[in-house]
C-alpha atoms as a PDB file:
ATOM      1  CA  MET A   1      33.376  40.025 -36.751  1.00  0.00           C
ATOM      2  CA  LYS A   2      33.023  42.156 -33.640  1.00  0.00           C
ATOM      3  CA  LYS A   3      29.697  40.447 -32.835  1.00  0.00           C
ATOM      4  CA  ILE A   4      31.213  36.968 -33.234  1.00  0.00           C
ATOM      5  CA  GLY A   5      34.110  37.916 -30.984  1.00  0.00           C
ATOM      6  CA  PHE A   6      31.730  39.271 -28.396  1.00  0.00           C
ATOM      7  CA  LEU A   7      29.652  36.049 -28.405  1.00  0.00           C
ATOM      8  CA  LEU A   8      32.778  33.909 -28.038  1.00  0.00           C
ATOM      9  CA  ALA A   9      33.888  36.038 -25.101  1.00  0.00           C
ATOM     10  CA  VAL A  10      30.505  35.622 -23.420  1.00  0.00           C
ATOM     11  CA  LEU A  11      30.586  31.830 -23.946  1.00  0.00           C
ATOM     12  CA  LEU A  12      34.099  31.560 -22.544  1.00  0.00           C
ATOM     13  CA  ALA A  13      33.123  33.599 -19.530  1.00  0.00           C
ATOM     14  CA  ALA A  14      29.976  31.516 -18.945  1.00  0.00           C
ATOM     15  CA  THR A  15      31.623  28.103 -19.442  1.00  0.00           C
ATOM     16  CA  PRO A  16      33.160  27.841 -15.935  1.00  0.00           C
ATOM     17  CA  GLN A  17      29.851  28.895 -14.387  1.00  0.00           C
ATOM     18  CA  LEU A  18      27.930  26.314 -16.441  1.00  0.00           C
ATOM     19  CA  PHE A  19      30.301  23.573 -15.384  1.00  0.00           C
ATOM     20  CA  GLY A  20      30.050  24.777 -11.804  1.00  0.00           C
ATOM     21  CA  GLN A  21      26.268  24.564 -11.966  1.00  0.00           C
ATOM     22  CA  GLY A  22      26.551  21.019 -13.346  1.00  0.00           C
ATOM     23  CA  ALA A  23      28.828  20.000 -10.498  1.00  0.00           C
ATOM     24  CA  LYS A  24      26.327  21.342  -7.960  1.00  0.00           C
ATOM     25  CA  ASN A  25      23.867  18.695  -9.160  1.00  0.00           C
ATOM     26  CA  ILE A  26      26.188  15.947  -7.914  1.00  0.00           C
ATOM     27  CA  ARG A  27      25.277  15.019  -4.361  1.00  0.00           C
ATOM     28  CA  ILE A  28      26.331  12.463  -1.784  1.00  0.00           C
ATOM     29  CA  SER A  29      23.425  10.011  -1.664  1.00  0.00           C
ATOM     30  CA  GLU A  30      24.372   7.270   0.800  1.00  0.00           C
ATOM     31  CA  VAL A  31      27.332   6.342   2.997  1.00  0.00           C
ATOM     32  CA  LEU A  32      28.119   3.064   4.777  1.00  0.00           C
ATOM     33  CA  THR A  33      31.084   3.248   7.144  1.00  0.00           C
ATOM     34  CA  PHE A  34      30.981  -0.119   8.973  1.00  0.00           C
ATOM     35  CA  ASN A  35      30.714  -2.901   6.399  1.00  0.00           C
ATOM     36  CA  THR A  36      30.796  -6.501   7.614  1.00  0.00           C
ATOM     37  CA  ALA A  37      28.114  -8.180   5.509  1.00  0.00           C
ATOM     38  CA  SER A  38      26.855  -5.513   3.106  1.00  0.00           C
ATOM     39  CA  LEU A  39      28.008  -4.874  -0.469  1.00  0.00           C
ATOM     40  CA  GLN A  40      31.169  -6.695  -1.586  1.00  0.00           C
ATOM     41  CA  ASP A  41      33.668  -5.179  -3.987  1.00  0.00           C
ATOM     42  CA  ASP A  42      35.051  -6.923  -7.055  1.00  0.00           C
ATOM     43  CA  TYR A  43      37.653  -8.639  -4.897  1.00  0.00           C
ATOM     44  CA  GLY A  44      35.202 -10.084  -2.354  1.00  0.00           C
ATOM     45  CA  ASN A  45      36.038  -7.567   0.362  1.00  0.00           C
ATOM     46  CA  HIS A  46      33.581  -5.723   2.602  1.00  0.00           C
ATOM     47  CA  GLU A  47      34.774  -2.121   2.565  1.00  0.00           C
ATOM     48  CA  PRO A  48      33.166   1.212   3.475  1.00  0.00           C
ATOM     49  CA  TRP A  49      31.526   2.906   0.526  1.00  0.00           C
ATOM     50  CA  MET A  50      29.815   6.099  -0.504  1.00  0.00           C
ATOM     51  CA  GLU A  51      27.296   6.733  -3.258  1.00  0.00           C
ATOM     52  CA  LEU A  52      26.946   9.791  -5.487  1.00  0.00           C
ATOM     53  CA  VAL A  53      23.809  10.735  -7.411  1.00  0.00           C
ATOM     54  CA  ASN A  54      23.261  13.115 -10.325  1.00  0.00           C
ATOM     55  CA  THR A  55      20.107  14.994  -9.326  1.00  0.00           C
ATOM     56  CA  ALA A  56      19.869  16.821 -12.676  1.00  0.00           C
ATOM     57  CA  PHE A  57      18.336  15.700 -15.963  1.00  0.00           C
ATOM     58  CA  SER A  58      21.596  16.334 -17.805  1.00  0.00           C
ATOM     59  CA  THR A  59      24.853  14.379 -18.018  1.00  0.00           C
ATOM     60  CA  TYR A  60      27.936  15.275 -16.003  1.00  0.00           C
ATOM     61  CA  ASN A  61      31.408  13.717 -15.774  1.00  0.00           C
ATOM     62  CA  VAL A  62      32.712  13.523 -12.203  1.00  0.00           C
ATOM     63  CA  ARG A  63      36.282  12.732 -13.251  1.00  0.00           C
ATOM     64  CA  GLY A  64      38.800  15.050 -11.630  1.00  0.00           C
ATOM     65  CA  MET A  65      36.560  15.766  -8.635  1.00  0.00           C
ATOM     66  CA  TYR A  66      37.889  15.135  -5.133  1.00  0.00           C
ATOM     67  CA  ILE A  67      36.541  13.149  -2.164  1.00  0.00           C
ATOM     68  CA  THR A  68      37.831  13.579   1.366  1.00  0.00           C
ATOM     69  CA  THR A  69      37.061  12.909   5.033  1.00  0.00           C
ATOM     70  CA  ASP A  70      39.666  15.370   6.349  1.00  0.00           C
ATOM     71  CA  ARG A  71      37.955  18.368   7.953  1.00  0.00           C
ATOM     72  CA  SER A  72      41.126  20.419   7.788  1.00  0.00           C
ATOM     73  CA  VAL A  73      40.361  21.182   4.125  1.00  0.00           C
ATOM     74  CA  LEU A  74      37.680  23.582   5.381  1.00  0.00           C
ATOM     75  CA  ASP A  75      40.437  25.971   6.445  1.00  0.00           C
ATOM     76  CA  THR A  76      40.097  28.923   4.090  1.00  0.00           C
ATOM     77  CA  LYS A  77      43.789  29.761   4.546  1.00  0.00           C
ATOM     78  CA  LEU A  78      44.798  26.617   2.687  1.00  0.00           C
ATOM     79  CA  THR A  79      45.842  27.006  -0.919  1.00  0.00           C
ATOM     80  CA  ALA A  80      44.307  24.799  -3.603  1.00  0.00           C
ATOM     81  CA  PRO A  81      47.399  22.530  -3.850  1.00  0.00           C
ATOM     82  CA  GLU A  82      47.503  22.135  -0.060  1.00  0.00           C
ATOM     83  CA  ARG A  83      43.834  21.205  -0.012  1.00  0.00           C
ATOM     84  CA  ILE A  84      44.171  18.781  -2.934  1.00  0.00           C
ATOM     85  CA  SER A  85      47.034  16.990  -1.164  1.00  0.00           C
ATOM     86  CA  ARG A  86      44.600  15.999   1.576  1.00  0.00           C
ATOM     87  CA  MET A  87      41.958  14.617  -0.794  1.00  0.00           C
ATOM     88  CA  SER A  88      41.573  11.671  -3.188  1.00  0.00           C
ATOM     89  CA  ILE A  89      40.881  12.357  -6.845  1.00  0.00           C
ATOM     90  CA  ILE A  90      38.382  10.500  -9.040  1.00  0.00           C
ATOM     91  CA  PRO A  91      40.678   9.377 -11.855  1.00  0.00           C
ATOM     92  CA  ASN A  92      40.249  10.056 -15.568  1.00  0.00           C
ATOM     93  CA  GLY A  93      40.051   7.557 -18.376  1.00  0.00           C
ATOM     94  CA  ASP A  94      36.924   5.642 -17.351  1.00  0.00           C
ATOM     95  CA  ALA A  95      33.698   6.211 -19.257  1.00  0.00           C
ATOM     96  CA  ARG A  96      31.691   5.073 -16.220  1.00  0.00           C
ATOM     97  CA  THR A  97      32.437   8.385 -14.488  1.00  0.00           C
ATOM     98  CA  ILE A  98      30.033  10.062 -16.947  1.00  0.00           C
ATOM     99  CA  MET A  99      26.851  10.211 -14.902  1.00  0.00           C
ATOM    100  CA  SER A 100      23.601  10.453 -16.827  1.00  0.00           C
ATOM    101  CA  ALA A 101      20.414  11.944 -15.415  1.00  0.00           C
ATOM    102  CA  ARG A 102      19.427  10.503 -12.018  1.00  0.00           C
ATOM    103  CA  GLN A 103      22.272   7.973 -12.171  1.00  0.00           C
ATOM    104  CA  HIS A 104      24.053   6.638  -9.067  1.00  0.00           C
ATOM    105  CA  LEU A 105      27.755   5.920  -8.738  1.00  0.00           C
ATOM    106  CA  LEU A 106      29.428   4.012  -5.891  1.00  0.00           C
ATOM    107  CA  PHE A 107      33.006   4.403  -4.592  1.00  0.00           C
ATOM    108  CA  HIS A 108      34.839   2.078  -2.212  1.00  0.00           C
ATOM    109  CA  LEU A 109      36.636   4.015   0.538  1.00  0.00           C
ATOM    110  CA  GLY A 110      39.756   3.097   2.440  1.00  0.00           C
ATOM    111  CA  SER A 111      40.865   1.060  -0.568  1.00  0.00           C
ATOM    112  CA  ASN A 112      43.874   0.759  -2.833  1.00  0.00           C
ATOM    113  CA  PRO A 113      43.504   3.068  -5.871  1.00  0.00           C
ATOM    114  CA  LYS A 114      45.412   0.527  -7.938  1.00  0.00           C
ATOM    115  CA  GLN A 115      42.401  -1.774  -7.774  1.00  0.00           C
ATOM    116  CA  GLY A 116      40.363   0.438 -10.072  1.00  0.00           C
ATOM    117  CA  THR A 117      38.707   3.772 -10.768  1.00  0.00           C
ATOM    118  CA  PHE A 118      36.154   3.425  -7.983  1.00  0.00           C
ATOM    119  CA  TYR A 119      38.631   2.493  -5.240  1.00  0.00           C
ATOM    120  CA  LEU A 120      39.748   5.585  -3.311  1.00  0.00           C
ATOM    121  CA  GLN A 121      42.272   5.912  -0.519  1.00  0.00           C
ATOM    122  CA  VAL A 122      39.901   7.880   1.709  1.00  0.00           C
ATOM    123  CA  PRO A 123      40.278   6.999   5.421  1.00  0.00           C
ATOM    124  CA  ILE A 124      37.111   5.981   7.293  1.00  0.00           C
ATOM    125  CA  ASP A 125      36.729   5.356  11.027  1.00  0.00           C
ATOM    126  CA  SER A 126      34.052   2.648  11.358  1.00  0.00           C
ATOM    127  CA  LEU A 127      33.535   3.303  15.081  1.00  0.00           C
ATOM    128  CA  LYS A 128      33.148   7.098  15.050  1.00  0.00           C
ATOM    129  CA  ALA A 129      31.344   9.814  13.149  1.00  0.00           C
ATOM    130  CA  ASN A 130      32.837  10.703   9.769  1.00  0.00           C
ATOM    131  CA  TRP A 131      32.686  13.917   7.784  1.00  0.00           C
ATOM    132  CA  VAL A 132      32.557  13.169   4.062  1.00  0.00           C
ATOM    133  CA  ALA A 133      32.869  15.829   1.356  1.00  0.00           C
ATOM    134  CA  ILE A 134      33.172  16.136  -2.403  1.00  0.00           C
ATOM    135  CA  TYR A 135      35.066  19.031  -4.026  1.00  0.00           C
ATOM    136  CA  ASP A 136      35.095  20.320  -7.553  1.00  0.00           C
ATOM    137  CA  GLY A 137      38.082  19.722  -9.792  1.00  0.00           C
ATOM    138  CA  ASN A 138      39.628  23.072  -8.889  1.00  0.00           C
ATOM    139  CA  GLY A 139      40.110  21.872  -5.321  1.00  0.00           C
ATOM    140  CA  ILE A 140      38.389  25.020  -3.991  1.00  0.00           C
ATOM    141  CA  ASP A 141      34.621  24.723  -4.440  1.00  0.00           C
ATOM    142  CA  LEU A 142      32.842  22.480  -1.946  1.00  0.00           C
ATOM    143  CA  ILE A 143      30.111  20.645  -3.876  1.00  0.00           C
ATOM    144  CA  ASP A 144      28.481  18.629  -1.067  1.00  0.00           C
ATOM    145  CA  SER A 145      29.289  17.317   2.393  1.00  0.00           C
ATOM    146  CA  VAL A 146      27.638  15.397   5.218  1.00  0.00           C
ATOM    147  CA  THR A 147      28.547  14.351   8.753  1.00  0.00           C
ATOM    148  CA  VAL A 148      27.789  10.660   9.075  1.00  0.00           C
ATOM    149  CA  PRO A 149      27.082   9.630  12.686  1.00  0.00           C
ATOM    150  CA  ALA A 150      28.607   6.540  14.228  1.00  0.00           C
ATOM    151  CA  LEU A 151      26.690   3.648  12.663  1.00  0.00           C
ATOM    152  CA  LYS A 152      26.164   0.067  13.671  1.00  0.00           C
ATOM    153  CA  ALA A 153      27.423  -2.719  11.461  1.00  0.00           C
ATOM    154  CA  ASN A 154      25.925  -2.588   7.947  1.00  0.00           C
ATOM    155  CA  GLN A 155      23.766   0.455   8.645  1.00  0.00           C
ATOM    156  CA  SER A 156      23.920   3.324   6.174  1.00  0.00           C
ATOM    157  CA  TYR A 157      23.256   7.047   6.225  1.00  0.00           C
ATOM    158  CA  ALA A 158      21.032   7.891   3.266  1.00  0.00           C
ATOM    159  CA  LEU A 159      19.558  10.963   1.623  1.00  0.00           C
ATOM    160  CA  PHE A 160      15.962  11.005   0.459  1.00  0.00           C
ATOM    161  CA  LYS A 161      13.094  13.418  -0.173  1.00  0.00           C
ATOM    162  CA  ASP A 162      10.326  13.709   2.391  1.00  0.00           C
ATOM    163  CA  GLU A 163       6.655  14.478   1.722  1.00  0.00           C
ATOM    164  CA  GLN A 164       7.482  18.182   1.289  1.00  0.00           C
ATOM    165  CA  SER A 165      10.189  17.317  -1.312  1.00  0.00           C
ATOM    166  CA  GLN A 166      12.900  18.428   1.099  1.00  0.00           C
ATOM    167  CA  TYR A 167      16.179  16.528   1.295  1.00  0.00           C
ATOM    168  CA  VAL A 168      16.554  14.715   4.615  1.00  0.00           C
ATOM    169  CA  TRP A 169      19.271  12.397   5.922  1.00  0.00           C
ATOM    170  CA  ARG A 170      18.238   9.229   7.678  1.00  0.00           C
ATOM    171  CA  THR A 171      19.880   6.152   9.215  1.00  0.00           C
ATOM    172  CA  MET A 172      18.900   3.005   7.338  1.00  0.00           C
ATOM    173  CA  GLU A 173      18.855  -0.490   8.811  1.00  0.00           C
ATOM    174  CA  PRO A 174      20.844  -3.236   7.044  1.00  0.00           C
ATOM    175  CA  ASP A 175      17.759  -4.539   5.219  1.00  0.00           C
ATOM    176  CA  GLN A 176      16.988  -0.993   4.011  1.00  0.00           C
ATOM    177  CA  VAL A 177      20.384  -0.192   2.487  1.00  0.00           C
ATOM    178  CA  THR A 178      20.015   0.653  -1.208  1.00  0.00           C
ATOM    179  CA  PRO A 179      23.332   0.948  -3.061  1.00  0.00           C
ATOM    180  CA  LEU A 180      23.022   2.244  -6.648  1.00  0.00           C
ATOM    181  CA  ILE A 181      19.231   2.834  -6.438  1.00  0.00           C
ATOM    182  CA  ASP A 182      17.005   5.649  -5.173  1.00  0.00           C
ATOM    183  CA  ASN A 183      16.693   6.133  -1.425  1.00  0.00           C
ATOM    184  CA  ALA A 184      12.946   6.733  -1.508  1.00  0.00           C
ATOM    185  CA  LEU A 185      11.134   6.145   1.785  1.00  0.00           C
ATOM    186  CA  ASN A 186       8.289   4.287   0.109  1.00  0.00           C
ATOM    187  CA  THR A 187      10.686   1.755  -1.432  1.00  0.00           C
ATOM    188  CA  VAL A 188      12.961   1.096   1.524  1.00  0.00           C
ATOM    189  CA  GLU A 189      10.529   1.165   4.430  1.00  0.00           C
ATOM    190  CA  SER A 190       7.581  -1.149   4.819  1.00  0.00           C
ATOM    191  CA  LYS A 191       4.246  -0.021   6.240  1.00  0.00           C
ATOM    192  CA  ALA A 192       4.847  -2.073   9.370  1.00  0.00           C
ATOM    193  CA  ALA A 193       8.264  -0.493   9.882  1.00  0.00           C
ATOM    194  CA  ARG A 194       6.869   2.992   9.347  1.00  0.00           C
ATOM    195  CA  LEU A 195       4.041   2.324  11.818  1.00  0.00           C
ATOM    196  CA  LYS A 196       6.539   1.032  14.348  1.00  0.00           C
ATOM    197  CA  ARG A 197       8.644   4.157  13.851  1.00  0.00           C
ATOM    198  CA  ASP A 198       5.724   6.591  14.133  1.00  0.00           C
ATOM    199  CA  ASP A 199       3.983   4.751  16.999  1.00  0.00           C
ATOM    200  CA  PRO A 200       6.654   2.775  18.892  1.00  0.00           C
ATOM    201  CA  HIS A 201       4.463   2.048  21.952  1.00  0.00           C
ATOM    202  CA  GLY A 202       1.263   1.242  20.075  1.00  0.00           C
ATOM    203  CA  PHE A 203      -0.885   3.895  21.752  1.00  0.00           C
ATOM    204  CA  GLY A 204      -2.044   5.388  18.488  1.00  0.00           C
ATOM    205  CA  ILE A 205      -3.110   2.114  16.881  1.00  0.00           C
ATOM    206  CA  THR A 206      -4.866   1.097  20.130  1.00  0.00           C
ATOM    207  CA  VAL A 207      -6.926   4.285  20.291  1.00  0.00           C
ATOM    208  CA  LEU A 208      -7.712   4.032  16.580  1.00  0.00           C
ATOM    209  CA  SER A 209      -8.855   0.401  16.873  1.00  0.00           C
ATOM    210  CA  MET A 210     -11.052   1.071  19.889  1.00  0.00           C
ATOM    211  CA  GLY A 211     -12.526   4.119  18.181  1.00  0.00           C
ATOM    212  CA  ILE A 212     -13.478   2.059  15.132  1.00  0.00           C
ATOM    213  CA  VAL A 213     -15.093  -0.650  17.293  1.00  0.00           C
ATOM    214  CA  PHE A 214     -17.151   1.822  19.343  1.00  0.00           C
ATOM    215  CA  PHE A 215     -18.191   3.715  16.232  1.00  0.00           C
ATOM    216  CA  CYS A 216     -19.468   0.486  14.636  1.00  0.00           C
ATOM    217  CA  LEU A 217     -21.375  -0.391  17.810  1.00  0.00           C
ATOM    218  CA  PHE A 218     -22.929   3.074  17.839  1.00  0.00           C
ATOM    219  CA  LEU A 219     -24.065   2.650  14.231  1.00  0.00           C
ATOM    220  CA  LEU A 220     -25.644  -0.714  15.089  1.00  0.00           C
ATOM    221  CA  PHE A 221     -27.440   0.835  18.075  1.00  0.00           C
ATOM    222  CA  VAL A 222     -28.851   3.642  15.928  1.00  0.00           C
ATOM    223  CA  PHE A 223     -29.907   1.235  13.178  1.00  0.00           C
ATOM    224  CA  PHE A 224     -31.772  -1.181  15.479  1.00  0.00           C
ATOM    225  CA  SER A 225     -33.372   1.672  17.437  1.00  0.00           C
ATOM    226  CA  ILE A 226     -34.837   3.161  14.266  1.00  0.00           C
ATOM    227  CA  PHE A 227     -35.782  -0.272  12.922  1.00  0.00           C
ATOM    228  CA  GLY A 228     -37.562  -1.149  16.196  1.00  0.00           C
ATOM    229  CA  LYS A 229     -39.562   2.087  16.153  1.00  0.00           C
ATOM    230  CA  ILE A 230     -40.619   1.475  12.560  1.00  0.00           C
ATOM    231  CA  MET A 231     -41.760  -2.081  13.324  1.00  0.00           C
ATOM    232  CA  ALA A 232     -43.602  -0.954  16.467  1.00  0.00           C
ATOM    233  CA  SER A 233     -45.564   1.611  14.482  1.00  0.00           C
ATOM    234  CA  GLN A 234     -46.882  -0.994  12.048  1.00  0.00           C
ATOM    235  CA  PRO A 235     -50.489  -2.268  12.812  1.00  0.00           C
ATOM    236  CA  ALA A 236     -50.794  -5.875  13.931  1.00  0.00           C
ATOM    237  CA  ASP A 237     -52.362  -8.124  11.272  1.00  0.00           C
ATOM    238  CA  ASP A 238     -52.818 -11.300  13.334  1.00  0.00           C
ATOM    239  CA  ASN A 239     -56.619 -10.890  13.480  1.00  0.00           C
ATOM    240  CA  LYS A 240     -57.074 -10.347   9.784  1.00  0.00           C
ATOM    241  CA  PRO A 241     -58.949 -13.218   8.062  1.00  0.00           C
ATOM    242  CA  ARG A 242     -56.698 -15.084   5.768  1.00  0.00           C
ATOM    243  CA  LYS A 243     -57.953 -15.638   2.305  1.00  0.00           C
ATOM    244  CA  ARG A 244     -57.805 -19.182   1.137  1.00  0.00           C
ATOM    245  CA  GLN A 245     -57.776 -20.138  -2.437  1.00  0.00           C
ATOM    246  CA  PRO A 246     -60.714 -22.432  -3.211  1.00  0.00           C
ATOM    247  CA  VAL A 247     -59.877 -25.843  -4.477  1.00  0.00           C
ATOM    248  CA  LYS A 248     -61.027 -26.103  -8.057  1.00  0.00           C
ATOM    249  CA  VAL A 249     -62.656 -29.444  -8.851  1.00  0.00           C
ATOM    250  CA  SER A 250     -64.083 -30.221 -12.241  1.00  0.00           C
ATOM    251  CA  ARG A 251     -67.701 -31.332 -12.553  1.00  0.00           C
ATOM    252  CA  GLU A 252     -66.736 -34.412 -14.536  1.00  0.00           C
ATOM    253  CA  SER A 253     -64.372 -35.651 -11.826  1.00  0.00           C
ATOM    254  CA  VAL A 254     -67.011 -35.183  -9.144  1.00  0.00           C
ATOM    255  CA  GLN A 255     -69.618 -37.077 -11.153  1.00  0.00           C
ATOM    256  CA  ALA A 256     -67.204 -39.891 -11.926  1.00  0.00           C
ATOM    257  CA  MET A 257     -66.180 -40.186  -8.306  1.00  0.00           C
ATOM    258  CA  ALA A 258     -69.822 -40.169  -7.145  1.00  0.00           C
ATOM    259  CA  ALA A 259     -70.773 -42.856  -9.647  1.00  0.00           C
ATOM    260  CA  SER A 260     -67.907 -45.132  -8.649  1.00  0.00           C
ATOM    261  CA  LYS A 261     -68.641 -44.712  -4.975  1.00  0.00           C
ATOM    262  CA  ALA A 262     -72.393 -45.320  -5.490  1.00  0.00           C
ATOM    263  CA  LYS A 263     -71.720 -48.697  -7.043  1.00  0.00           C
ATOM    264  CA  GLU A 264     -69.648 -49.803  -4.076  1.00  0.00           C
ATOM    265  CA  ALA A 265     -71.738 -48.151  -1.341  1.00  0.00           C
ATOM    266  CA  THR A 266     -73.879 -49.977   1.210  1.00  0.00           C
ATOM    267  CA  PRO A 267     -77.337 -48.657   2.171  1.00  0.00           C
ATOM    268  CA  ASP A 268     -75.914 -46.653   5.069  1.00  0.00           C
ATOM    269  CA  GLN A 269     -73.053 -45.310   2.984  1.00  0.00           C
ATOM    270  CA  GLU A 270     -75.429 -44.073   0.331  1.00  0.00           C
ATOM    271  CA  VAL A 271     -76.778 -41.545   2.821  1.00  0.00           C
ATOM    272  CA  TYR A 272     -73.288 -40.283   3.453  1.00  0.00           C
ATOM    273  CA  LEU A 273     -72.583 -40.131  -0.262  1.00  0.00           C
ATOM    274  CA  ALA A 274     -75.714 -38.091  -0.813  1.00  0.00           C
ATOM    275  CA  VAL A 275     -74.635 -35.590   1.838  1.00  0.00           C
ATOM    276  CA  ILE A 276     -71.131 -35.393   0.399  1.00  0.00           C
ATOM    277  CA  ALA A 277     -72.513 -34.951  -3.117  1.00  0.00           C
ATOM    278  CA  MET A 278     -74.775 -32.156  -1.910  1.00  0.00           C
ATOM    279  CA  ALA A 279     -71.809 -30.418  -0.213  1.00  0.00           C
ATOM    280  CA  LEU A 280     -69.691 -30.708  -3.343  1.00  0.00           C
ATOM    281  CA  LYS A 281     -72.576 -29.388  -5.460  1.00  0.00           C
ATOM    282  CA  GLN A 282     -72.850 -26.344  -3.241  1.00  0.00           C
ATOM    283  CA  TYR A 283     -69.090 -25.880  -3.348  1.00  0.00           C
ATOM    284  CA  MET A 284     -69.007 -25.969  -7.132  1.00  0.00           C
ATOM    285  CA  ASP A 285     -71.980 -23.606  -7.361  1.00  0.00           C
ATOM    286  CA  ASP A 286     -70.136 -21.248  -5.026  1.00  0.00           C
ATOM    287  CA  VAL A 287     -73.039 -20.986  -2.591  1.00  0.00           C
ATOM    288  CA  HIS A 288     -71.248 -22.358   0.446  1.00  0.00           C
ATOM    289  CA  ASP A 289     -69.501 -20.591   3.281  1.00  0.00           C
ATOM    290  CA  VAL A 290     -65.756 -20.188   3.218  1.00  0.00           C
ATOM    291  CA  GLU A 291     -64.523 -22.814   5.608  1.00  0.00           C
ATOM    292  CA  SER A 292     -61.326 -24.626   6.300  1.00  0.00           C
ATOM    293  CA  GLY A 293     -61.803 -27.104   3.432  1.00  0.00           C
ATOM    294  CA  ILE A 294     -62.150 -30.064   5.801  1.00  0.00           C
ATOM    295  CA  ILE A 295     -65.573 -31.758   6.017  1.00  0.00           C
ATOM    296  CA  THR A 296     -66.247 -33.772   9.150  1.00  0.00           C
ATOM    297  CA  ILE A 297     -69.402 -35.892   9.244  1.00  0.00           C
ATOM    298  CA  HIS A 298     -70.568 -37.540  12.441  1.00  0.00           C
ATOM    299  CA  PRO A 299     -73.003 -40.476  11.963  1.00  0.00           C
ATOM    300  CA  HIS A 300     -76.477 -39.882  13.359  1.00  0.00           C
ATOM    301  CA  HIS A 301     -79.321 -42.381  13.214  1.00  0.00           C
ATOM    302  CA  SER A 302     -82.775 -41.033  12.418  1.00  0.00           C
ATOM    303  CA  ASN A 303     -86.177 -42.322  11.497  1.00  0.00           C
ATOM    304  CA  TRP A 304     -85.794 -41.335   7.866  1.00  0.00           C
ATOM    305  CA  THR A 305     -86.124 -44.093   5.426  1.00  0.00           C
ATOM    306  CA  ARG A 306     -84.725 -44.418   1.993  1.00  0.00           C
ATOM    307  CA  VAL A 307     -86.981 -43.810  -0.950  1.00  0.00           C
END
């Protein structure tokens, strides 16, 4: 029994600390103070709003927590009731205040609490900087706070993680406002917008582009220089005799052609046919010189007579 009593005492002592640790996982995620065309509430009004996010992987109920924009609550001399009187409470009785892991919750500020659970009577100055804070249910522990600079119409002040996984606040343009979703830089900022932010005058992209062009030209110069040296070192082959494939003529076709031409030939043509037949015979017997394949015969009269 003593052991059971000891365990119960330890659990009771640890319970407030566990709840306190759970509350520390609730953070202010995004604030919009000057709303003219951004998110509308259930009544069609454009009101300032703030977004909470549960950064843990466990569930936590934010009912009974307090939201304020009054810096006077930072006075350590104030008692808990005095501090609570200057803040607006998140009411009980609504299951939507139970925030699951990584869930976002949005509250309308400067509103009438009678309109619903998420309408808080927290004053907001749309033309000046605003300090926004969230306190635990005891009215003493400050859970999270942020000073929102003076924003233009429909701009927001959002929290996101940078490349080193550090939380950073950043002003978001109207087309980058992300109520009820993660404020990740890669989802709210296009590549063109990021380039414009990192290189507003275009010097970087100009130097990079020129560097790429000159590097490509240098590669082409190297390639053609090496290619030219290789081609210059090759021996010229213009004087090499070109081999010609001999025309293959069958013996039967030659004999048939000679016979047909002999029938039609005149006495003078028979001489020419005899010369042609002799040339073809030498060609077929492969005893001729390799020539161009064109035979040119000039007529020449002699004293030879036919036999």
